Amino acid sequence: MLVERYRPILFIMYLLLLVDLFMNSFIEMLRFENVILLVLYVIQDVCILFAVIVVFLLFFNTYIFQAGLVNILIEKFKVAIGITFIYFGLNVGLHVWEMTLRWDEPNLYIWGTPGFIPLFVIQRTGAVLYYYFYKRTALQLGDPRFYQDSEWIRKEFERRR
């Protein structure tokens, strides 16, 4: 029962990851028009926000959250949540800087700008971490133990008292 309910959500989560991966891989080829590039950057950033919203909606559906043990969820997924927000910040920063540099001349060579290449490399490295931790979180949240009362939840609750 739970698997059938979770499958479409997992599909949506993977789709959002795929859109982000596609944007990171091929968006440079579409830089001939500033408005197109701006719209694609906004779509990419909105997809990251939707990905975060989906994860938090899954959190709200867990038995742990409904029992008031939110701190267990936050502790278990704090790295994934932190990396997602860091990646979003890196994404927005890179997009704003790139659009600022290219707005007047879309085909301008911007790779000689001091600091741009390190930010680009950090953002792409953050993307790999984001993909890994987001996918791991998506798979972990499919575990039925999160959606029913179980012994490990009781042990966690007792440990935190």
N, C-alpha and C. Protein backbone atom coordinates (compact mmCIF):
# COMPACT_ATOMS: atom_id res chain seq x y z
N MET A 1 0.83 -1.21 0.00
CA MET A 1 0.00 0.00 0.00
C MET A 1 0.86 1.26 0.00
N LEU A 2 1.82 1.31 0.91
CA LEU A 2 2.68 2.49 1.02
C LEU A 2 3.55 2.65 -0.22
N VAL A 3 4.00 1.53 -0.78
CA VAL A 3 4.86 1.58 -1.95
C VAL A 3 4.11 2.18 -3.13
N GLU A 4 2.87 1.81 -3.30
CA GLU A 4 2.08 2.35 -4.41
C GLU A 4 1.82 3.85 -4.25
N ARG A 5 1.66 4.30 -3.02
CA ARG A 5 1.45 5.74 -2.77
C ARG A 5 2.73 6.52 -2.97
N TYR A 6 3.86 5.89 -2.67
CA TYR A 6 5.14 6.60 -2.69
C TYR A 6 5.74 6.67 -4.09
N ARG A 7 5.39 5.75 -4.97
CA ARG A 7 5.99 5.68 -6.31
C ARG A 7 5.82 6.98 -7.10
N PRO A 8 4.64 7.60 -7.18
CA PRO A 8 4.53 8.86 -7.93
C PRO A 8 5.34 9.99 -7.31
N ILE A 9 5.43 10.01 -5.99
CA ILE A 9 6.22 11.05 -5.33
C ILE A 9 7.70 10.87 -5.66
N LEU A 10 8.16 9.64 -5.64
CA LEU A 10 9.55 9.36 -5.99
C LEU A 10 9.81 9.73 -7.44
N PHE A 11 8.86 9.48 -8.32
CA PHE A 11 8.99 9.88 -9.72
C PHE A 11 9.12 11.39 -9.84
N ILE A 12 8.32 12.14 -9.11
CA ILE A 12 8.40 13.60 -9.14
C ILE A 12 9.76 14.08 -8.62
N MET A 13 10.23 13.45 -7.55
CA MET A 13 11.52 13.85 -6.99
C MET A 13 12.65 13.59 -7.98
N TYR A 14 12.61 12.45 -8.64
CA TYR A 14 13.63 12.15 -9.64
C TYR A 14 13.52 13.07 -10.85
N LEU A 15 12.31 13.42 -11.23
CA LEU A 15 12.11 14.35 -12.34
C LEU A 15 12.71 15.71 -12.03
N LEU A 16 12.51 16.19 -10.80
CA LEU A 16 13.10 17.48 -10.41
C LEU A 16 14.63 17.42 -10.43
N LEU A 17 15.19 16.30 -10.00
CA LEU A 17 16.64 16.13 -10.08
C LEU A 17 17.12 16.10 -11.52
N LEU A 18 16.38 15.42 -12.38
CA LEU A 18 16.75 15.33 -13.79
C LEU A 18 16.69 16.69 -14.47
N VAL A 19 15.69 17.49 -14.16
CA VAL A 19 15.60 18.84 -14.71
C VAL A 19 16.81 19.66 -14.29
N ASP A 20 17.19 19.58 -13.02
CA ASP A 20 18.34 20.33 -12.55
C ASP A 20 19.63 19.85 -13.22
N LEU A 21 19.78 18.55 -13.36
CA LEU A 21 20.96 18.00 -14.03
C LEU A 21 21.01 18.44 -15.49
N PHE A 22 19.89 18.41 -16.16
CA PHE A 22 19.82 18.86 -17.55
C PHE A 22 20.18 20.33 -17.67
N MET A 23 19.64 21.13 -16.77
CA MET A 23 19.94 22.57 -16.81
C MET A 23 21.43 22.83 -16.57
N ASN A 24 22.00 22.16 -15.58
CA ASN A 24 23.43 22.34 -15.31
C ASN A 24 24.29 21.89 -16.48
N SER A 25 23.84 20.90 -17.21
CA SER A 25 24.65 20.34 -18.29
C SER A 25 24.55 21.13 -19.59
N PHE A 26 23.37 21.61 -19.93
CA PHE A 26 23.17 22.14 -21.27
C PHE A 26 22.75 23.59 -21.36
N ILE A 27 22.64 24.28 -20.26
CA ILE A 27 22.12 25.65 -20.30
C ILE A 27 23.09 26.62 -20.99
N GLU A 28 24.37 26.31 -20.96
CA GLU A 28 25.36 27.17 -21.61
C GLU A 28 25.15 27.25 -23.12
N MET A 29 24.55 26.23 -23.70
CA MET A 29 24.31 26.22 -25.14
C MET A 29 23.19 27.17 -25.55
N LEU A 30 22.41 27.64 -24.58
CA LEU A 30 21.27 28.50 -24.88
C LEU A 30 21.50 29.95 -24.48
N ARG A 31 22.74 30.37 -24.46
CA ARG A 31 23.04 31.71 -23.97
C ARG A 31 22.91 32.80 -25.03
N PHE A 32 22.45 32.48 -26.23
CA PHE A 32 22.35 33.47 -27.31
C PHE A 32 21.29 34.53 -27.05
N GLU A 33 20.34 34.27 -26.16
CA GLU A 33 19.29 35.23 -25.83
C GLU A 33 19.16 35.34 -24.31
N ASN A 34 19.32 36.55 -23.78
CA ASN A 34 19.31 36.75 -22.34
C ASN A 34 18.00 36.35 -21.67
N VAL A 35 16.90 36.66 -22.31
CA VAL A 35 15.60 36.36 -21.70
C VAL A 35 15.40 34.85 -21.57
N ILE A 36 15.80 34.09 -22.58
CA ILE A 36 15.70 32.63 -22.51
C ILE A 36 16.54 32.10 -21.37
N LEU A 37 17.77 32.60 -21.27
CA LEU A 37 18.67 32.16 -20.21
C LEU A 37 18.11 32.51 -18.83
N LEU A 38 17.57 33.70 -18.69
CA LEU A 38 16.98 34.12 -17.42
C LEU A 38 15.79 33.23 -17.03
N VAL A 39 14.92 32.95 -17.98
CA VAL A 39 13.77 32.09 -17.71
C VAL A 39 14.23 30.69 -17.31
N LEU A 40 15.22 30.15 -17.98
CA LEU A 40 15.72 28.82 -17.64
C LEU A 40 16.36 28.81 -16.26
N TYR A 41 17.07 29.87 -15.91
CA TYR A 41 17.65 29.95 -14.57
C TYR A 41 16.57 30.00 -13.50
N VAL A 42 15.52 30.75 -13.77
CA VAL A 42 14.41 30.83 -12.82
C VAL A 42 13.73 29.47 -12.69
N ILE A 43 13.54 28.78 -13.81
CA ILE A 43 12.94 27.44 -13.76
C ILE A 43 13.81 26.50 -12.94
N GLN A 44 15.12 26.56 -13.13
CA GLN A 44 16.02 25.69 -12.36
C GLN A 44 15.92 25.98 -10.86
N ASP A 45 15.92 27.25 -10.50
CA ASP A 45 15.84 27.61 -9.09
C ASP A 45 14.48 27.24 -8.48
N VAL A 46 13.42 27.39 -9.24
CA VAL A 46 12.09 27.00 -8.77
C VAL A 46 12.01 25.49 -8.59
N CYS A 47 12.65 24.73 -9.47
CA CYS A 47 12.67 23.26 -9.33
C CYS A 47 13.38 22.84 -8.04
N ILE A 48 14.44 23.55 -7.68
CA ILE A 48 15.13 23.25 -6.42
C ILE A 48 14.20 23.54 -5.25
N LEU A 49 13.49 24.66 -5.31
CA LEU A 49 12.54 24.99 -4.24
C LEU A 49 11.41 23.96 -4.16
N PHE A 50 10.90 23.51 -5.31
CA PHE A 50 9.88 22.47 -5.31
C PHE A 50 10.42 21.17 -4.72
N ALA A 51 11.68 20.86 -5.01
CA ALA A 51 12.29 19.66 -4.46
C ALA A 51 12.32 19.72 -2.93
N VAL A 52 12.64 20.89 -2.40
CA VAL A 52 12.66 21.07 -0.94
C VAL A 52 11.24 20.94 -0.39
N ILE A 53 10.28 21.53 -1.07
CA ILE A 53 8.89 21.46 -0.62
C ILE A 53 8.40 20.01 -0.59
N VAL A 54 8.76 19.23 -1.61
CA VAL A 54 8.34 17.82 -1.64
C VAL A 54 8.92 17.06 -0.46
N VAL A 55 10.20 17.31 -0.15
CA VAL A 55 10.82 16.62 0.99
C VAL A 55 10.11 17.00 2.29
N PHE A 56 9.83 18.28 2.47
CA PHE A 56 9.15 18.68 3.70
C PHE A 56 7.72 18.16 3.76
N LEU A 57 7.04 18.05 2.63
CA LEU A 57 5.71 17.44 2.64
C LEU A 57 5.79 15.97 3.04
N LEU A 58 6.84 15.30 2.59
CA LEU A 58 7.04 13.91 3.02
C LEU A 58 7.32 13.84 4.52
N PHE A 59 8.09 14.81 5.01
CA PHE A 59 8.33 14.86 6.46
C PHE A 59 7.01 14.98 7.22
N PHE A 60 6.12 15.85 6.75
CA PHE A 60 4.85 16.09 7.43
C PHE A 60 3.98 14.84 7.45
N ASN A 61 4.15 13.94 6.49
CA ASN A 61 3.34 12.73 6.42
C ASN A 61 3.88 11.59 7.28
N THR A 62 5.06 11.73 7.82
CA THR A 62 5.64 10.63 8.61
C THR A 62 4.97 10.53 9.97
N TYR A 63 5.00 9.35 10.52
CA TYR A 63 4.48 9.11 11.86
C TYR A 63 5.31 9.90 12.87
N ILE A 64 6.60 9.98 12.63
CA ILE A 64 7.51 10.68 13.55
C ILE A 64 7.08 12.14 13.69
N PHE A 65 6.79 12.80 12.58
CA PHE A 65 6.37 14.19 12.61
C PHE A 65 5.02 14.34 13.29
N GLN A 66 4.10 13.47 12.98
CA GLN A 66 2.76 13.54 13.56
C GLN A 66 2.77 13.25 15.05
N ALA A 67 3.77 12.49 15.50
CA ALA A 67 3.90 12.21 16.94
C ALA A 67 4.63 13.34 17.67
N GLY A 68 5.07 14.35 16.93
CA GLY A 68 5.74 15.48 17.55
C GLY A 68 7.23 15.30 17.74
N LEU A 69 7.82 14.35 17.07
CA LEU A 69 9.25 14.08 17.20
C LEU A 69 10.02 14.64 16.01
N VAL A 70 9.78 15.89 15.71
CA VAL A 70 10.37 16.55 14.55
C VAL A 70 11.90 16.56 14.64
N ASN A 71 12.42 16.68 15.85
CA ASN A 71 13.87 16.74 16.01
C ASN A 71 14.56 15.47 15.52
N ILE A 72 13.88 14.34 15.56
CA ILE A 72 14.47 13.10 15.03
C ILE A 72 14.63 13.22 13.52
N LEU A 73 13.62 13.73 12.84
CA LEU A 73 13.71 13.92 11.39
C LEU A 73 14.78 14.93 11.03
N ILE A 74 14.81 16.04 11.74
CA ILE A 74 15.80 17.07 11.44
C ILE A 74 17.21 16.55 11.64
N GLU A 75 17.41 15.81 12.73
CA GLU A 75 18.74 15.27 12.99
C GLU A 75 19.14 14.24 11.93
N LYS A 76 18.20 13.41 11.52
CA LYS A 76 18.49 12.36 10.55
C LYS A 76 18.79 12.92 9.16
N PHE A 77 18.15 14.03 8.81
CA PHE A 77 18.29 14.58 7.46
C PHE A 77 18.94 15.97 7.44
N LYS A 78 19.64 16.36 8.48
CA LYS A 78 20.20 17.72 8.55
C LYS A 78 21.26 17.96 7.48
N VAL A 79 22.05 16.96 7.15
CA VAL A 79 23.08 17.14 6.12
C VAL A 79 22.42 17.38 4.76
N ALA A 80 21.43 16.59 4.44
CA ALA A 80 20.73 16.75 3.15
C ALA A 80 20.04 18.10 3.06
N ILE A 81 19.39 18.51 4.14
CA ILE A 81 18.71 19.81 4.15
C ILE A 81 19.73 20.95 4.01
N GLY A 82 20.82 20.85 4.75
CA GLY A 82 21.86 21.88 4.69
C GLY A 82 22.48 21.99 3.32
N ILE A 83 22.81 20.86 2.72
CA ILE A 83 23.43 20.87 1.38
C ILE A 83 22.45 21.42 0.35
N THR A 84 21.19 21.12 0.50
CA THR A 84 20.20 21.63 -0.45
C THR A 84 20.13 23.15 -0.39
N PHE A 85 20.12 23.72 0.81
CA PHE A 85 20.06 25.18 0.92
C PHE A 85 21.36 25.85 0.48
N ILE A 86 22.49 25.22 0.76
CA ILE A 86 23.78 25.75 0.29
C ILE A 86 23.82 25.71 -1.24
N TYR A 87 23.38 24.60 -1.82
CA TYR A 87 23.36 24.48 -3.27
C TYR A 87 22.43 25.52 -3.90
N PHE A 88 21.28 25.74 -3.28
CA PHE A 88 20.36 26.75 -3.80
C PHE A 88 21.02 28.12 -3.78
N GLY A 89 21.70 28.45 -2.68
CA GLY A 89 22.40 29.73 -2.59
C GLY A 89 23.50 29.86 -3.64
N LEU A 90 24.28 28.80 -3.84
CA LEU A 90 25.32 28.82 -4.86
C LEU A 90 24.72 28.99 -6.25
N ASN A 91 23.61 28.31 -6.48
CA ASN A 91 22.93 28.40 -7.77
C ASN A 91 22.47 29.83 -8.05
N VAL A 92 21.79 30.41 -7.09
CA VAL A 92 21.28 31.78 -7.28
C VAL A 92 22.45 32.75 -7.46
N GLY A 93 23.49 32.60 -6.65
CA GLY A 93 24.65 33.47 -6.78
C GLY A 93 25.31 33.38 -8.14
N LEU A 94 25.50 32.16 -8.63
CA LEU A 94 26.11 31.97 -9.94
C LEU A 94 25.21 32.53 -11.05
N HIS A 95 23.92 32.31 -10.93
CA HIS A 95 23.00 32.81 -11.96
C HIS A 95 22.98 34.33 -12.00
N VAL A 96 22.93 34.95 -10.83
CA VAL A 96 22.89 36.41 -10.79
C VAL A 96 24.19 36.99 -11.36
N TRP A 97 25.32 36.42 -10.96
CA TRP A 97 26.60 36.93 -11.44
C TRP A 97 26.73 36.74 -12.95
N GLU A 98 26.35 35.57 -13.44
CA GLU A 98 26.46 35.32 -14.88
C GLU A 98 25.54 36.24 -15.68
N MET A 99 24.32 36.44 -15.20
CA MET A 99 23.40 37.33 -15.92
C MET A 99 23.88 38.78 -15.87
N THR A 100 24.50 39.16 -14.75
CA THR A 100 25.05 40.51 -14.65
C THR A 100 26.18 40.72 -15.66
N LEU A 101 27.03 39.73 -15.80
CA LEU A 101 28.15 39.83 -16.73
C LEU A 101 27.70 39.78 -18.20
N ARG A 102 26.67 39.01 -18.49
CA ARG A 102 26.28 38.78 -19.89
C ARG A 102 25.06 39.58 -20.35
N TRP A 103 24.48 40.40 -19.52
CA TRP A 103 23.21 41.01 -19.89
C TRP A 103 23.31 41.85 -21.15
N ASP A 104 24.33 42.68 -21.25
CA ASP A 104 24.45 43.56 -22.41
C ASP A 104 24.98 42.82 -23.64
N GLU A 105 25.77 41.79 -23.42
CA GLU A 105 26.36 41.05 -24.54
C GLU A 105 26.32 39.55 -24.22
N PRO A 106 25.33 38.84 -24.73
CA PRO A 106 25.13 37.43 -24.36
C PRO A 106 26.30 36.51 -24.70
N ASN A 107 27.05 36.81 -25.74
CA ASN A 107 28.15 35.93 -26.15
C ASN A 107 29.50 36.39 -25.61
N LEU A 108 29.49 37.23 -24.61
CA LEU A 108 30.73 37.72 -24.01
C LEU A 108 31.48 36.58 -23.33
N TYR A 109 32.81 36.60 -23.46
CA TYR A 109 33.66 35.60 -22.80
C TYR A 109 33.81 36.02 -21.34
N ILE A 110 33.17 35.28 -20.43
CA ILE A 110 33.17 35.67 -19.02
C ILE A 110 34.11 34.83 -18.18
N TRP A 111 34.76 33.85 -18.78
CA TRP A 111 35.57 32.92 -18.01
C TRP A 111 36.87 33.54 -17.51
N GLY A 112 37.19 34.72 -17.97
CA GLY A 112 38.38 35.40 -17.48
C GLY A 112 38.11 36.29 -16.28
N THR A 113 36.85 36.39 -15.88
CA THR A 113 36.48 37.21 -14.73
C THR A 113 37.02 36.58 -13.45
N PRO A 114 37.77 37.36 -12.66
CA PRO A 114 38.33 36.78 -11.43
C PRO A 114 37.22 36.31 -10.47
N GLY A 115 37.36 35.09 -10.01
CA GLY A 115 36.41 34.53 -9.05
C GLY A 115 35.26 33.77 -9.67
N PHE A 116 35.03 33.95 -10.96
CA PHE A 116 33.88 33.28 -11.58
C PHE A 116 34.11 31.78 -11.71
N ILE A 117 35.29 31.38 -12.15
CA ILE A 117 35.58 29.95 -12.32
C ILE A 117 35.54 29.22 -10.98
N PRO A 118 36.14 29.75 -9.89
CA PRO A 118 36.00 29.04 -8.62
C PRO A 118 34.54 28.89 -8.16
N LEU A 119 33.72 29.93 -8.34
CA LEU A 119 32.31 29.82 -7.98
C LEU A 119 31.61 28.77 -8.84
N PHE A 120 31.94 28.74 -10.12
CA PHE A 120 31.36 27.76 -11.03
C PHE A 120 31.71 26.34 -10.59
N VAL A 121 32.99 26.12 -10.26
CA VAL A 121 33.44 24.79 -9.83
C VAL A 121 32.79 24.40 -8.50
N ILE A 122 32.70 25.34 -7.57
CA ILE A 122 32.06 25.05 -6.28
C ILE A 122 30.58 24.73 -6.47
N GLN A 123 29.92 25.48 -7.35
CA GLN A 123 28.50 25.22 -7.61
C GLN A 123 28.29 23.85 -8.23
N ARG A 124 29.13 23.48 -9.18
CA ARG A 124 29.00 22.16 -9.81
C ARG A 124 29.33 21.03 -8.83
N THR A 125 30.30 21.24 -7.97
CA THR A 125 30.61 20.25 -6.94
C THR A 125 29.45 20.14 -5.95
N GLY A 126 28.88 21.28 -5.60
CA GLY A 126 27.70 21.29 -4.74
C GLY A 126 26.53 20.58 -5.40
N ALA A 127 26.45 20.66 -6.73
CA ALA A 127 25.38 19.97 -7.45
C ALA A 127 25.50 18.46 -7.29
N VAL A 128 26.73 17.95 -7.39
CA VAL A 128 26.94 16.50 -7.23
C VAL A 128 26.53 16.07 -5.82
N LEU A 129 26.93 16.84 -4.82
CA LEU A 129 26.54 16.53 -3.44
C LEU A 129 25.03 16.61 -3.27
N TYR A 130 24.44 17.63 -3.86
CA TYR A 130 22.99 17.80 -3.78
C TYR A 130 22.28 16.60 -4.41
N TYR A 131 22.71 16.16 -5.60
CA TYR A 131 22.09 15.01 -6.26
C TYR A 131 22.19 13.77 -5.39
N TYR A 132 23.36 13.54 -4.83
CA TYR A 132 23.56 12.34 -4.00
C TYR A 132 22.67 12.36 -2.76
N PHE A 133 22.73 13.46 -2.01
CA PHE A 133 21.98 13.51 -0.75
C PHE A 133 20.47 13.61 -0.97
N TYR A 134 20.05 14.28 -2.03
CA TYR A 134 18.61 14.37 -2.30
C TYR A 134 18.06 13.00 -2.69
N LYS A 135 18.80 12.29 -3.54
CA LYS A 135 18.34 10.95 -3.93
C LYS A 135 18.34 10.01 -2.73
N ARG A 136 19.36 10.11 -1.91
CA ARG A 136 19.42 9.27 -0.71
C ARG A 136 18.24 9.58 0.22
N THR A 137 17.93 10.85 0.40
CA THR A 137 16.80 11.25 1.23
C THR A 137 15.49 10.73 0.65
N ALA A 138 15.35 10.82 -0.66
CA ALA A 138 14.13 10.33 -1.31
C ALA A 138 13.95 8.84 -1.07
N LEU A 139 15.02 8.10 -1.17
CA LEU A 139 14.93 6.65 -0.95
C LEU A 139 14.70 6.32 0.53
N GLN A 140 15.34 7.06 1.43
CA GLN A 140 15.15 6.80 2.85
C GLN A 140 13.73 7.12 3.29
N LEU A 141 13.14 8.16 2.74
CA LEU A 141 11.78 8.52 3.13
C LEU A 141 10.74 7.53 2.59
N GLY A 142 11.15 6.62 1.75
CA GLY A 142 10.26 5.56 1.29
C GLY A 142 10.20 4.38 2.24
N ASP A 143 11.02 4.41 3.28
CA ASP A 143 11.05 3.33 4.26
C ASP A 143 9.75 3.33 5.07
N PRO A 144 9.06 2.21 5.14
CA PRO A 144 7.79 2.15 5.88
C PRO A 144 7.94 2.42 7.38
N ARG A 145 9.15 2.28 7.92
CA ARG A 145 9.34 2.54 9.36
C ARG A 145 9.01 3.98 9.73
N PHE A 146 9.13 4.89 8.78
CA PHE A 146 8.84 6.29 9.07
C PHE A 146 7.34 6.57 9.17
N TYR A 147 6.52 5.66 8.68
CA TYR A 147 5.09 5.92 8.57
C TYR A 147 4.24 5.10 9.54
N GLN A 148 4.88 4.41 10.45
CA GLN A 148 4.15 3.63 11.45
C GLN A 148 4.94 3.60 12.75
N ASP A 149 4.24 3.32 13.81
CA ASP A 149 4.89 3.21 15.11
C ASP A 149 5.79 1.98 15.10
N SER A 150 7.01 2.15 15.59
CA SER A 150 7.93 1.02 15.61
C SER A 150 8.86 1.14 16.81
N GLU A 151 9.59 0.09 17.04
CA GLU A 151 10.48 0.02 18.20
C GLU A 151 11.61 1.04 18.13
N TRP A 152 12.17 1.28 16.93
CA TRP A 152 13.29 2.21 16.85
C TRP A 152 12.86 3.64 17.14
N ILE A 153 11.61 3.98 16.85
CA ILE A 153 11.10 5.32 17.19
C ILE A 153 10.99 5.45 18.70
N ARG A 154 10.51 4.42 19.35
CA ARG A 154 10.41 4.45 20.81
C ARG A 154 11.79 4.57 21.45
N LYS A 155 12.77 3.85 20.90
CA LYS A 155 14.13 3.94 21.42
C LYS A 155 14.71 5.34 21.24
N GLU A 156 14.46 5.93 20.08
CA GLU A 156 14.93 7.30 19.83
C GLU A 156 14.28 8.29 20.79
N PHE A 157 12.99 8.10 21.01
CA PHE A 157 12.28 8.98 21.93
C PHE A 157 12.82 8.85 23.35
N GLU A 158 13.06 7.64 23.79
CA GLU A 158 13.60 7.40 25.13
C GLU A 158 15.02 7.95 25.26
N ARG A 159 15.79 7.83 24.20
CA ARG A 159 17.17 8.32 24.23
C ARG A 159 17.21 9.86 24.36
N ARG A 160 16.21 10.52 23.82
CA ARG A 160 16.20 11.99 23.83
C ARG A 160 15.61 12.57 25.10
N ARG A 161 15.00 11.76 25.93
CA ARG A 161 14.41 12.27 27.18
C ARG A 161 15.42 12.69 28.15
